[in-house]
Amino acid sequence: MAVMKVIEVMASSDKGWEDATTKAIAHASKSINHIKSAFVQSQSVVVNDNKVEAFRVNVKITFEVK
């Protein structure tokens, strides 16, 4: 039986939500091993002068505890 843990990570990107998600996983992988999945819980944008300035994601990352 595997023991899994879920953490919540927020990340942003000026390129898009996919890039923000990739950044969230890359950052989490610096201190966490055995990442199995990620669930984008929410997406939002930062708007400045009527233009999208940044894409934000709130990601739940699941990893196996060894």
N, C-alpha and C. Protein backbone atom coordinates (compact mmCIF):
# COMPACT_ATOMS: atom_id res chain seq x y z
N MET A 1 0.84 -1.18 0.00
CA MET A 1 0.00 0.00 0.00
C MET A 1 0.89 1.25 0.00
N ALA A 2 0.59 2.17 -0.86
CA ALA A 2 1.34 3.41 -0.94
C ALA A 2 0.69 4.49 -0.09
N VAL A 3 1.53 5.31 0.51
CA VAL A 3 1.04 6.46 1.28
C VAL A 3 1.25 7.69 0.41
N MET A 4 0.18 8.42 0.17
CA MET A 4 0.23 9.61 -0.68
C MET A 4 -0.04 10.85 0.18
N LYS A 5 0.56 11.96 -0.24
CA LYS A 5 0.35 13.24 0.44
C LYS A 5 0.02 14.28 -0.63
N VAL A 6 -0.80 15.25 -0.26
CA VAL A 6 -1.19 16.32 -1.18
C VAL A 6 -0.78 17.66 -0.58
N ILE A 7 -0.11 18.47 -1.39
CA ILE A 7 0.21 19.83 -0.98
C ILE A 7 -0.42 20.79 -1.98
N GLU A 8 -0.57 22.02 -1.56
CA GLU A 8 -1.15 23.05 -2.42
C GLU A 8 -0.08 24.09 -2.73
N VAL A 9 0.09 24.38 -4.02
CA VAL A 9 1.12 25.32 -4.47
C VAL A 9 0.47 26.36 -5.37
N MET A 10 0.86 27.61 -5.19
CA MET A 10 0.40 28.68 -6.08
C MET A 10 1.58 29.14 -6.92
N ALA A 11 1.32 29.40 -8.20
CA ALA A 11 2.39 29.85 -9.10
C ALA A 11 1.80 30.81 -10.13
N SER A 12 2.69 31.59 -10.75
CA SER A 12 2.23 32.52 -11.77
C SER A 12 3.22 32.56 -12.93
N SER A 13 2.73 33.05 -14.05
CA SER A 13 3.54 33.16 -15.27
C SER A 13 2.99 34.29 -16.12
N ASP A 14 3.86 34.90 -16.87
CA ASP A 14 3.38 35.92 -17.82
C ASP A 14 3.06 35.30 -19.18
N LYS A 15 3.31 33.98 -19.33
CA LYS A 15 3.08 33.30 -20.61
C LYS A 15 1.72 32.60 -20.69
N GLY A 16 1.28 32.00 -19.57
CA GLY A 16 0.01 31.30 -19.61
C GLY A 16 -0.16 30.36 -18.44
N TRP A 17 -1.37 29.75 -18.34
CA TRP A 17 -1.66 28.85 -17.23
C TRP A 17 -0.82 27.58 -17.30
N GLU A 18 -0.58 27.08 -18.49
CA GLU A 18 0.23 25.86 -18.62
C GLU A 18 1.65 26.10 -18.10
N ASP A 19 2.21 27.23 -18.42
CA ASP A 19 3.55 27.57 -17.94
C ASP A 19 3.55 27.75 -16.42
N ALA A 20 2.51 28.36 -15.88
CA ALA A 20 2.41 28.53 -14.43
C ALA A 20 2.32 27.17 -13.74
N THR A 21 1.58 26.24 -14.32
CA THR A 21 1.47 24.89 -13.76
C THR A 21 2.82 24.18 -13.81
N THR A 22 3.52 24.30 -14.92
CA THR A 22 4.85 23.70 -15.06
C THR A 22 5.80 24.27 -14.02
N LYS A 23 5.73 25.56 -13.78
CA LYS A 23 6.58 26.21 -12.77
C LYS A 23 6.25 25.70 -11.36
N ALA A 24 4.97 25.51 -11.07
CA ALA A 24 4.57 25.01 -9.75
C ALA A 24 5.15 23.62 -9.50
N ILE A 25 5.07 22.75 -10.48
CA ILE A 25 5.59 21.40 -10.33
C ILE A 25 7.12 21.42 -10.26
N ALA A 26 7.75 22.22 -11.07
CA ALA A 26 9.22 22.32 -11.05
C ALA A 26 9.71 22.82 -9.70
N HIS A 27 9.03 23.80 -9.14
CA HIS A 27 9.44 24.33 -7.84
C HIS A 27 9.23 23.29 -6.73
N ALA A 28 8.09 22.62 -6.76
CA ALA A 28 7.81 21.59 -5.74
C ALA A 28 8.80 20.45 -5.84
N SER A 29 9.23 20.10 -7.04
CA SER A 29 10.13 18.96 -7.23
C SER A 29 11.54 19.23 -6.69
N LYS A 30 11.84 20.47 -6.36
CA LYS A 30 13.15 20.78 -5.76
C LYS A 30 13.28 20.18 -4.37
N SER A 31 12.15 20.04 -3.67
CA SER A 31 12.20 19.51 -2.30
C SER A 31 11.34 18.26 -2.11
N ILE A 32 10.60 17.84 -3.13
CA ILE A 32 9.71 16.69 -3.02
C ILE A 32 10.04 15.70 -4.14
N ASN A 33 10.12 14.43 -3.76
CA ASN A 33 10.34 13.36 -4.74
C ASN A 33 9.05 12.59 -4.97
N HIS A 34 9.01 11.82 -6.02
CA HIS A 34 7.92 10.89 -6.32
C HIS A 34 6.59 11.59 -6.57
N ILE A 35 6.60 12.74 -7.26
CA ILE A 35 5.35 13.42 -7.62
C ILE A 35 4.60 12.54 -8.61
N LYS A 36 3.33 12.31 -8.33
CA LYS A 36 2.51 11.42 -9.16
C LYS A 36 1.48 12.15 -10.00
N SER A 37 0.93 13.26 -9.49
CA SER A 37 -0.09 13.97 -10.26
C SER A 37 -0.24 15.39 -9.76
N ALA A 38 -0.92 16.19 -10.58
CA ALA A 38 -1.22 17.57 -10.21
C ALA A 38 -2.64 17.90 -10.68
N PHE A 39 -3.36 18.63 -9.84
CA PHE A 39 -4.72 19.03 -10.14
C PHE A 39 -4.80 20.55 -10.05
N VAL A 40 -5.12 21.19 -11.15
CA VAL A 40 -5.26 22.65 -11.15
C VAL A 40 -6.62 22.97 -10.55
N GLN A 41 -6.57 23.47 -9.32
CA GLN A 41 -7.80 23.74 -8.58
C GLN A 41 -8.47 25.03 -9.05
N SER A 42 -7.66 26.05 -9.34
CA SER A 42 -8.25 27.30 -9.81
C SER A 42 -7.25 28.05 -10.68
N GLN A 43 -7.80 28.91 -11.50
CA GLN A 43 -7.01 29.76 -12.39
C GLN A 43 -7.51 31.19 -12.26
N SER A 44 -6.58 32.14 -12.35
CA SER A 44 -6.97 33.55 -12.33
C SER A 44 -5.92 34.35 -13.09
N VAL A 45 -6.24 35.59 -13.34
CA VAL A 45 -5.30 36.48 -14.02
C VAL A 45 -5.16 37.78 -13.25
N VAL A 46 -4.03 38.42 -13.44
CA VAL A 46 -3.79 39.76 -12.91
C VAL A 46 -3.95 40.72 -14.08
N VAL A 47 -4.78 41.73 -13.92
CA VAL A 47 -5.04 42.69 -14.98
C VAL A 47 -4.51 44.05 -14.57
N ASN A 48 -3.76 44.68 -15.47
CA ASN A 48 -3.23 46.02 -15.23
C ASN A 48 -3.42 46.83 -16.50
N ASP A 49 -4.03 47.99 -16.38
CA ASP A 49 -4.33 48.85 -17.53
C ASP A 49 -5.10 48.10 -18.62
N ASN A 50 -6.10 47.31 -18.18
CA ASN A 50 -6.97 46.54 -19.08
C ASN A 50 -6.23 45.48 -19.89
N LYS A 51 -5.06 45.07 -19.44
CA LYS A 51 -4.31 44.01 -20.11
C LYS A 51 -3.94 42.93 -19.10
N VAL A 52 -3.97 41.68 -19.56
CA VAL A 52 -3.57 40.56 -18.70
C VAL A 52 -2.07 40.65 -18.49
N GLU A 53 -1.69 40.72 -17.23
CA GLU A 53 -0.28 40.87 -16.87
C GLU A 53 0.33 39.55 -16.41
N ALA A 54 -0.47 38.70 -15.75
CA ALA A 54 0.04 37.43 -15.25
C ALA A 54 -1.09 36.41 -15.12
N PHE A 55 -0.73 35.16 -15.34
CA PHE A 55 -1.64 34.04 -15.19
C PHE A 55 -1.28 33.32 -13.89
N ARG A 56 -2.29 33.03 -13.06
CA ARG A 56 -2.02 32.37 -11.78
C ARG A 56 -2.79 31.06 -11.69
N VAL A 57 -2.16 30.08 -11.05
CA VAL A 57 -2.82 28.81 -10.81
C VAL A 57 -2.63 28.40 -9.36
N ASN A 58 -3.61 27.70 -8.86
CA ASN A 58 -3.54 27.07 -7.54
C ASN A 58 -3.57 25.57 -7.83
N VAL A 59 -2.47 24.86 -7.55
CA VAL A 59 -2.30 23.47 -7.96
C VAL A 59 -2.19 22.57 -6.73
N LYS A 60 -2.91 21.47 -6.74
CA LYS A 60 -2.76 20.44 -5.70
C LYS A 60 -1.85 19.37 -6.29
N ILE A 61 -0.74 19.14 -5.65
CA ILE A 61 0.27 18.19 -6.12
C ILE A 61 0.27 16.97 -5.19
N THR A 62 0.14 15.80 -5.79
CA THR A 62 0.14 14.55 -5.03
C THR A 62 1.47 13.83 -5.23
N PHE A 63 2.04 13.38 -4.11
CA PHE A 63 3.29 12.64 -4.19
C PHE A 63 3.28 11.47 -3.21
N GLU A 64 4.11 10.49 -3.52
CA GLU A 64 4.19 9.29 -2.70
C GLU A 64 5.21 9.48 -1.60
N VAL A 65 4.83 9.12 -0.38
CA VAL A 65 5.74 9.19 0.75
C VAL A 65 6.40 7.82 0.88
N LYS A 66 7.70 7.79 0.82
CA LYS A 66 8.45 6.51 0.90
C LYS A 66 8.90 6.25 2.31
